[in-house]
All heavy atoms as atom14 arrays in JSON, in Angstrom:
{
  "sequence": "SLELRFGSLDQLTIDAIHVASDDTLVAITLQIAT",
  "atom14_mask": [
    [1, 1, 1, 1, 1, 1, 0, 0, 0, 0, 0, 0, 0, 0],
    [1, 1, 1, 1, 1, 1, 1, 1, 0, 0, 0, 0, 0, 0],
    [1, 1, 1, 1, 1, 1, 1, 1, 1, 0, 0, 0, 0, 0],
    [1, 1, 1, 1, 1, 1, 1, 1, 0, 0, 0, 0, 0, 0],
    [1, 1, 1, 1, 1, 1, 1, 1, 1, 1, 1, 0, 0, 0],
    [1, 1, 1, 1, 1, 1, 1, 1, 1, 1, 1, 0, 0, 0],
    [1, 1, 1, 1, 0, 0, 0, 0, 0, 0, 0, 0, 0, 0],
    [1, 1, 1, 1, 1, 1, 0, 0, 0, 0, 0, 0, 0, 0],
    [1, 1, 1, 1, 1, 1, 1, 1, 0, 0, 0, 0, 0, 0],
    [1, 1, 1, 1, 1, 1, 1, 1, 0, 0, 0, 0, 0, 0],
    [1, 1, 1, 1, 1, 1, 1, 1, 1, 0, 0, 0, 0, 0],
    [1, 1, 1, 1, 1, 1, 1, 1, 0, 0, 0, 0, 0, 0],
    [1, 1, 1, 1, 1, 1, 1, 0, 0, 0, 0, 0, 0, 0],
    [1, 1, 1, 1, 1, 1, 1, 1, 0, 0, 0, 0, 0, 0],
    [1, 1, 1, 1, 1, 1, 1, 1, 0, 0, 0, 0, 0, 0],
    [1, 1, 1, 1, 1, 0, 0, 0, 0, 0, 0, 0, 0, 0],
    [1, 1, 1, 1, 1, 1, 1, 1, 0, 0, 0, 0, 0, 0],
    [1, 1, 1, 1, 1, 1, 1, 1, 1, 1, 0, 0, 0, 0],
    [1, 1, 1, 1, 1, 1, 1, 0, 0, 0, 0, 0, 0, 0],
    [1, 1, 1, 1, 1, 0, 0, 0, 0, 0, 0, 0, 0, 0],
    [1, 1, 1, 1, 1, 1, 0, 0, 0, 0, 0, 0, 0, 0],
    [1, 1, 1, 1, 1, 1, 1, 1, 0, 0, 0, 0, 0, 0],
    [1, 1, 1, 1, 1, 1, 1, 1, 0, 0, 0, 0, 0, 0],
    [1, 1, 1, 1, 1, 1, 1, 0, 0, 0, 0, 0, 0, 0],
    [1, 1, 1, 1, 1, 1, 1, 1, 0, 0, 0, 0, 0, 0],
    [1, 1, 1, 1, 1, 1, 1, 0, 0, 0, 0, 0, 0, 0],
    [1, 1, 1, 1, 1, 0, 0, 0, 0, 0, 0, 0, 0, 0],
    [1, 1, 1, 1, 1, 1, 1, 1, 0, 0, 0, 0, 0, 0],
    [1, 1, 1, 1, 1, 1, 1, 0, 0, 0, 0, 0, 0, 0],
    [1, 1, 1, 1, 1, 1, 1, 1, 0, 0, 0, 0, 0, 0],
    [1, 1, 1, 1, 1, 1, 1, 1, 1, 0, 0, 0, 0, 0],
    [1, 1, 1, 1, 1, 1, 1, 1, 0, 0, 0, 0, 0, 0],
    [1, 1, 1, 1, 1, 0, 0, 0, 0, 0, 0, 0, 0, 0],
    [1, 1, 1, 1, 1, 1, 1, 0, 0, 0, 0, 0, 0, 0]
  ],
  "atom14_positions": [
    [[100.93, -63.15, -12.64], [100.81, -62.74, -11.25], [99.54, -63.31, -10.63], [99.55, -63.78, -9.49], [100.83, -61.22, -11.14], [102.04, -60.68, -11.62], [0.0, 0.0, 0.0], [0.0, 0.0, 0.0], [0.0, 0.0, 0.0], [0.0, 0.0, 0.0], [0.0, 0.0, 0.0], [0.0, 0.0, 0.0], [0.0, 0.0, 0.0], [0.0, 0.0, 0.0]],
    [[98.44, -63.26, -11.38], [97.19, -63.82, -10.88], [97.29, -65.33, -10.71], [96.79, -65.9, -9.73], [96.04, -63.47, -11.82], [95.64, -61.99, -11.87], [94.56, -61.76, -12.92], [95.14, -61.53, -10.5], [0.0, 0.0, 0.0], [0.0, 0.0, 0.0], [0.0, 0.0, 0.0], [0.0, 0.0, 0.0], [0.0, 0.0, 0.0], [0.0, 0.0, 0.0]],
    [[97.94, -66.01, -11.67], [98.1, -67.46, -11.57], [98.98, -67.83, -10.39], [98.75, -68.86, -9.74], [98.68, -68.01, -12.87], [97.7, -68.0, -14.03], [98.3, -68.52, -15.33], [99.55, -68.51, -15.45], [97.54, -68.91, -16.21], [0.0, 0.0, 0.0], [0.0, 0.0, 0.0], [0.0, 0.0, 0.0], [0.0, 0.0, 0.0], [0.0, 0.0, 0.0]],
    [[99.97, -67.01, -10.11], [100.86, -67.28, -8.99], [100.1, -67.2, -7.67], [100.35, -67.98, -6.75], [102.01, -66.28, -9.0], [103.14, -66.53, -8.0], [103.8, -67.88, -8.27], [104.18, -65.43, -8.08], [0.0, 0.0, 0.0], [0.0, 0.0, 0.0], [0.0, 0.0, 0.0], [0.0, 0.0, 0.0], [0.0, 0.0, 0.0], [0.0, 0.0, 0.0]],
    [[99.14, -66.28, -7.6], [98.39, -66.12, -6.35], [97.2, -67.07, -6.25], [96.94, -67.65, -5.2], [97.9, -64.68, -6.22], [97.21, -64.44, -4.88], [96.72, -63.03, -4.7], [96.04, -62.92, -3.42], [95.23, -61.93, -3.09], [95.0, -60.96, -3.94], [94.66, -61.91, -1.9], [0.0, 0.0, 0.0], [0.0, 0.0, 0.0], [0.0, 0.0, 0.0]],
    [[96.46, -67.24, -7.37], [95.2, -67.98, -7.31], [95.24, -69.35, -7.98], [94.29, -70.12, -7.88], [94.07, -67.16, -7.95], [93.83, -65.83, -7.29], [94.19, -64.65, -7.93], [93.28, -65.75, -6.03], [93.97, -63.42, -7.33], [93.05, -64.53, -5.41], [93.4, -63.36, -6.06], [0.0, 0.0, 0.0], [0.0, 0.0, 0.0], [0.0, 0.0, 0.0]],
    [[96.32, -69.68, -8.68], [96.36, -70.93, -9.43], [95.83, -70.7, -10.84], [95.7, -69.57, -11.32], [0.0, 0.0, 0.0], [0.0, 0.0, 0.0], [0.0, 0.0, 0.0], [0.0, 0.0, 0.0], [0.0, 0.0, 0.0], [0.0, 0.0, 0.0], [0.0, 0.0, 0.0], [0.0, 0.0, 0.0], [0.0, 0.0, 0.0], [0.0, 0.0, 0.0]],
    [[95.49, -71.78, -11.55], [95.03, -71.67, -12.94], [93.78, -70.81, -13.04], [92.87, -70.91, -12.21], [94.75, -73.07, -13.5], [95.94, -73.81, -13.6], [0.0, 0.0, 0.0], [0.0, 0.0, 0.0], [0.0, 0.0, 0.0], [0.0, 0.0, 0.0], [0.0, 0.0, 0.0], [0.0, 0.0, 0.0], [0.0, 0.0, 0.0], [0.0, 0.0, 0.0]],
    [[93.74, -69.97, -14.07], [92.59, -69.1, -14.31], [91.64, -69.74, -15.3], [92.06, -70.5, -16.18], [93.06, -67.75, -14.86], [94.05, -66.96, -13.99], [94.49, -65.7, -14.73], [93.45, -66.61, -12.65], [0.0, 0.0, 0.0], [0.0, 0.0, 0.0], [0.0, 0.0, 0.0], [0.0, 0.0, 0.0], [0.0, 0.0, 0.0], [0.0, 0.0, 0.0]],
    [[90.36, -69.42, -15.18], [89.39, -69.92, -16.15], [89.55, -69.14, -17.45], [90.12, -68.05, -17.48], [87.97, -69.76, -15.6], [87.64, -68.31, -15.3], [87.95, -67.86, -14.17], [87.13, -67.61, -16.18], [0.0, 0.0, 0.0], [0.0, 0.0, 0.0], [0.0, 0.0, 0.0], [0.0, 0.0, 0.0], [0.0, 0.0, 0.0], [0.0, 0.0, 0.0]],
    [[89.05, -69.71, -18.53], [89.26, -69.13, -19.86], [88.62, -67.75, -19.99], [89.17, -66.86, -20.66], [88.69, -70.06, -20.93], [89.03, -69.65, -22.37], [90.53, -69.63, -22.61], [91.23, -70.58, -22.25], [91.04, -68.56, -23.2], [0.0, 0.0, 0.0], [0.0, 0.0, 0.0], [0.0, 0.0, 0.0], [0.0, 0.0, 0.0], [0.0, 0.0, 0.0]],
    [[87.48, -67.52, -19.34], [86.83, -66.21, -19.43], [87.71, -65.11, -18.83], [87.8, -64.01, -19.38], [85.46, -66.25, -18.73], [84.35, -67.04, -19.43], [83.1, -67.05, -18.57], [84.06, -66.44, -20.81], [0.0, 0.0, 0.0], [0.0, 0.0, 0.0], [0.0, 0.0, 0.0], [0.0, 0.0, 0.0], [0.0, 0.0, 0.0], [0.0, 0.0, 0.0]],
    [[88.36, -65.42, -17.71], [89.24, -64.44, -17.08], [90.46, -64.16, -17.96], [90.88, -63.02, -18.13], [89.69, -64.93, -15.7], [88.54, -65.15, -14.88], [90.61, -63.91, -15.03], [0.0, 0.0, 0.0], [0.0, 0.0, 0.0], [0.0, 0.0, 0.0], [0.0, 0.0, 0.0], [0.0, 0.0, 0.0], [0.0, 0.0, 0.0], [0.0, 0.0, 0.0]],
    [[91.03, -65.23, -18.55], [92.18, -65.07, -19.44], [91.81, -64.21, -20.64], [92.55, -63.29, -21.03], [92.69, -66.45, -19.89], [93.28, -67.21, -18.71], [93.74, -66.3, -21.0], [93.66, -68.64, -19.03], [0.0, 0.0, 0.0], [0.0, 0.0, 0.0], [0.0, 0.0, 0.0], [0.0, 0.0, 0.0], [0.0, 0.0, 0.0], [0.0, 0.0, 0.0]],
    [[90.65, -64.48, -21.23], [90.21, -63.7, -22.38], [89.98, -62.23, -22.01], [90.3, -61.32, -22.78], [88.92, -64.29, -22.96], [89.15, -65.64, -23.63], [90.32, -65.94, -23.95], [88.18, -66.39, -23.82], [0.0, 0.0, 0.0], [0.0, 0.0, 0.0], [0.0, 0.0, 0.0], [0.0, 0.0, 0.0], [0.0, 0.0, 0.0], [0.0, 0.0, 0.0]],
    [[89.43, -62.0, -20.8], [89.18, -60.63, -20.35], [90.48, -59.87, -20.17], [90.57, -58.67, -20.49], [88.38, -60.65, -19.05], [0.0, 0.0, 0.0], [0.0, 0.0, 0.0], [0.0, 0.0, 0.0], [0.0, 0.0, 0.0], [0.0, 0.0, 0.0], [0.0, 0.0, 0.0], [0.0, 0.0, 0.0], [0.0, 0.0, 0.0], [0.0, 0.0, 0.0]],
    [[91.52, -60.54, -19.68], [92.84, -59.9, -19.54], [93.39, -59.49, -20.9], [93.95, -58.42, -21.08], [93.83, -60.86, -18.83], [93.41, -61.06, -17.38], [95.26, -60.32, -18.91], [94.21, -62.13, -16.66], [0.0, 0.0, 0.0], [0.0, 0.0, 0.0], [0.0, 0.0, 0.0], [0.0, 0.0, 0.0], [0.0, 0.0, 0.0], [0.0, 0.0, 0.0]],
    [[93.18, -60.34, -21.89], [93.76, -60.1, -23.22], [93.07, -58.97, -23.99], [93.62, -58.49, -24.97], [93.72, -61.4, -24.04], [94.67, -62.44, -23.53], [94.61, -63.76, -23.89], [95.71, -62.34, -22.67], [95.56, -64.43, -23.28], [96.24, -63.59, -22.54], [0.0, 0.0, 0.0], [0.0, 0.0, 0.0], [0.0, 0.0, 0.0], [0.0, 0.0, 0.0]],
    [[91.87, -58.57, -23.55], [91.2, -57.46, -24.23], [91.02, -56.26, -23.3], [90.39, -55.28, -23.67], [89.82, -57.9, -24.79], [90.0, -58.97, -25.84], [88.89, -58.37, -23.68], [0.0, 0.0, 0.0], [0.0, 0.0, 0.0], [0.0, 0.0, 0.0], [0.0, 0.0, 0.0], [0.0, 0.0, 0.0], [0.0, 0.0, 0.0], [0.0, 0.0, 0.0]],
    [[91.59, -56.33, -22.1], [91.46, -55.22, -21.15], [92.26, -54.01, -21.6], [93.28, -54.12, -22.27], [91.93, -55.67, -19.76], [0.0, 0.0, 0.0], [0.0, 0.0, 0.0], [0.0, 0.0, 0.0], [0.0, 0.0, 0.0], [0.0, 0.0, 0.0], [0.0, 0.0, 0.0], [0.0, 0.0, 0.0], [0.0, 0.0, 0.0], [0.0, 0.0, 0.0]],
    [[91.79, -52.84, -21.23], [92.49, -51.61, -21.57], [93.76, -51.48, -20.73], [93.91, -52.13, -19.68], [91.59, -50.4, -21.32], [91.37, -50.24, -19.93], [0.0, 0.0, 0.0], [0.0, 0.0, 0.0], [0.0, 0.0, 0.0], [0.0, 0.0, 0.0], [0.0, 0.0, 0.0], [0.0, 0.0, 0.0], [0.0, 0.0, 0.0], [0.0, 0.0, 0.0]],
    [[94.67, -50.63, -21.17], [95.91, -50.41, -20.43], [95.62, -49.88, -19.03], [96.25, -50.29, -18.05], [96.8, -49.41, -21.18], [97.29, -49.96, -22.51], [97.24, -51.19, -22.69], [97.71, -49.16, -23.36], [0.0, 0.0, 0.0], [0.0, 0.0, 0.0], [0.0, 0.0, 0.0], [0.0, 0.0, 0.0], [0.0, 0.0, 0.0], [0.0, 0.0, 0.0]],
    [[94.65, -48.95, -18.9], [94.33, -48.38, -17.6], [93.84, -49.46, -16.63], [94.18, -49.44, -15.44], [93.26, -47.3, -17.74], [93.8, -46.04, -18.42], [95.04, -45.89, -18.45], [93.0, -45.24, -18.91], [0.0, 0.0, 0.0], [0.0, 0.0, 0.0], [0.0, 0.0, 0.0], [0.0, 0.0, 0.0], [0.0, 0.0, 0.0], [0.0, 0.0, 0.0]],
    [[93.04, -50.39, -17.14], [92.53, -51.46, -16.29], [93.65, -52.37, -15.84], [93.72, -52.78, -14.67], [91.46, -52.27, -17.06], [90.36, -51.42, -17.36], [90.98, -53.44, -16.22], [0.0, 0.0, 0.0], [0.0, 0.0, 0.0], [0.0, 0.0, 0.0], [0.0, 0.0, 0.0], [0.0, 0.0, 0.0], [0.0, 0.0, 0.0], [0.0, 0.0, 0.0]],
    [[94.57, -52.69, -16.75], [95.7, -53.56, -16.4], [96.57, -52.92, -15.33], [97.01, -53.59, -14.38], [96.52, -53.88, -17.64], [95.84, -54.75, -18.7], [96.72, -54.85, -19.95], [95.53, -56.14, -18.16], [0.0, 0.0, 0.0], [0.0, 0.0, 0.0], [0.0, 0.0, 0.0], [0.0, 0.0, 0.0], [0.0, 0.0, 0.0], [0.0, 0.0, 0.0]],
    [[96.81, -51.63, -15.47], [97.62, -50.92, -14.47], [96.93, -50.95, -13.12], [97.55, -51.21, -12.08], [97.88, -49.47, -14.92], [98.5, -48.67, -13.78], [98.79, -49.45, -16.13], [0.0, 0.0, 0.0], [0.0, 0.0, 0.0], [0.0, 0.0, 0.0], [0.0, 0.0, 0.0], [0.0, 0.0, 0.0], [0.0, 0.0, 0.0], [0.0, 0.0, 0.0]],
    [[95.61, -50.7, -13.11], [94.86, -50.7, -11.86], [94.92, -52.07, -11.19], [95.06, -52.17, -9.97], [93.4, -50.31, -12.12], [0.0, 0.0, 0.0], [0.0, 0.0, 0.0], [0.0, 0.0, 0.0], [0.0, 0.0, 0.0], [0.0, 0.0, 0.0], [0.0, 0.0, 0.0], [0.0, 0.0, 0.0], [0.0, 0.0, 0.0], [0.0, 0.0, 0.0]],
    [[94.86, -53.13, -11.99], [94.9, -54.48, -11.43], [96.27, -54.79, -10.84], [96.37, -55.41, -9.78], [94.52, -55.51, -12.52], [93.02, -55.39, -12.83], [94.83, -56.94, -12.06], [92.56, -56.27, -13.97], [0.0, 0.0, 0.0], [0.0, 0.0, 0.0], [0.0, 0.0, 0.0], [0.0, 0.0, 0.0], [0.0, 0.0, 0.0], [0.0, 0.0, 0.0]],
    [[97.34, -54.35, -11.51], [98.68, -54.63, -10.98], [98.87, -54.0, -9.61], [99.61, -54.54, -8.78], [99.78, -54.11, -11.92], [99.68, -52.69, -12.05], [99.69, -54.76, -13.29], [0.0, 0.0, 0.0], [0.0, 0.0, 0.0], [0.0, 0.0, 0.0], [0.0, 0.0, 0.0], [0.0, 0.0, 0.0], [0.0, 0.0, 0.0], [0.0, 0.0, 0.0]],
    [[98.18, -52.9, -9.35], [98.35, -52.21, -8.07], [97.54, -52.85, -6.95], [97.73, -52.5, -5.78], [97.94, -50.74, -8.22], [98.76, -49.93, -9.24], [98.23, -48.51, -9.34], [100.23, -49.92, -8.85], [0.0, 0.0, 0.0], [0.0, 0.0, 0.0], [0.0, 0.0, 0.0], [0.0, 0.0, 0.0], [0.0, 0.0, 0.0], [0.0, 0.0, 0.0]],
    [[96.65, -53.8, -7.27], [95.84, -54.41, -6.22], [95.87, -55.93, -6.28], [95.09, -56.6, -5.59], [94.4, -53.93, -6.32], [93.75, -54.16, -7.68], [92.32, -53.64, -7.73], [91.49, -54.02, -6.93], [92.04, -52.77, -8.68], [0.0, 0.0, 0.0], [0.0, 0.0, 0.0], [0.0, 0.0, 0.0], [0.0, 0.0, 0.0], [0.0, 0.0, 0.0]],
    [[96.82, -56.5, -7.05], [96.89, -57.96, -7.16], [97.11, -58.6, -5.78], [96.57, -59.66, -5.48], [98.02, -58.37, -8.13], [97.55, -58.16, -9.57], [98.42, -59.83, -7.93], [98.59, -58.49, -10.62], [0.0, 0.0, 0.0], [0.0, 0.0, 0.0], [0.0, 0.0, 0.0], [0.0, 0.0, 0.0], [0.0, 0.0, 0.0], [0.0, 0.0, 0.0]],
    [[97.9, -57.95, -4.94], [98.25, -58.56, -3.65], [97.12, -58.49, -2.63], [97.14, -59.22, -1.64], [99.49, -57.88, -3.08], [0.0, 0.0, 0.0], [0.0, 0.0, 0.0], [0.0, 0.0, 0.0], [0.0, 0.0, 0.0], [0.0, 0.0, 0.0], [0.0, 0.0, 0.0], [0.0, 0.0, 0.0], [0.0, 0.0, 0.0], [0.0, 0.0, 0.0]],
    [[96.1, -57.64, -2.87], [95.08, -57.43, -1.84], [93.67, -57.82, -2.3], [92.85, -58.23, -1.48], [95.08, -55.97, -1.39], [94.87, -55.11, -2.54], [96.4, -55.6, -0.75], [0.0, 0.0, 0.0], [0.0, 0.0, 0.0], [0.0, 0.0, 0.0], [0.0, 0.0, 0.0], [0.0, 0.0, 0.0], [0.0, 0.0, 0.0], [0.0, 0.0, 0.0]]
  ]
}
């Protein structure tokens, strides 16, 4: 979803997504569009 909106992500952002908590991921999905 982030790549669709912003294009390719840097490696640090990708790594942060892969170790993020479930609560953080849910919070991000609710604000990806804004």
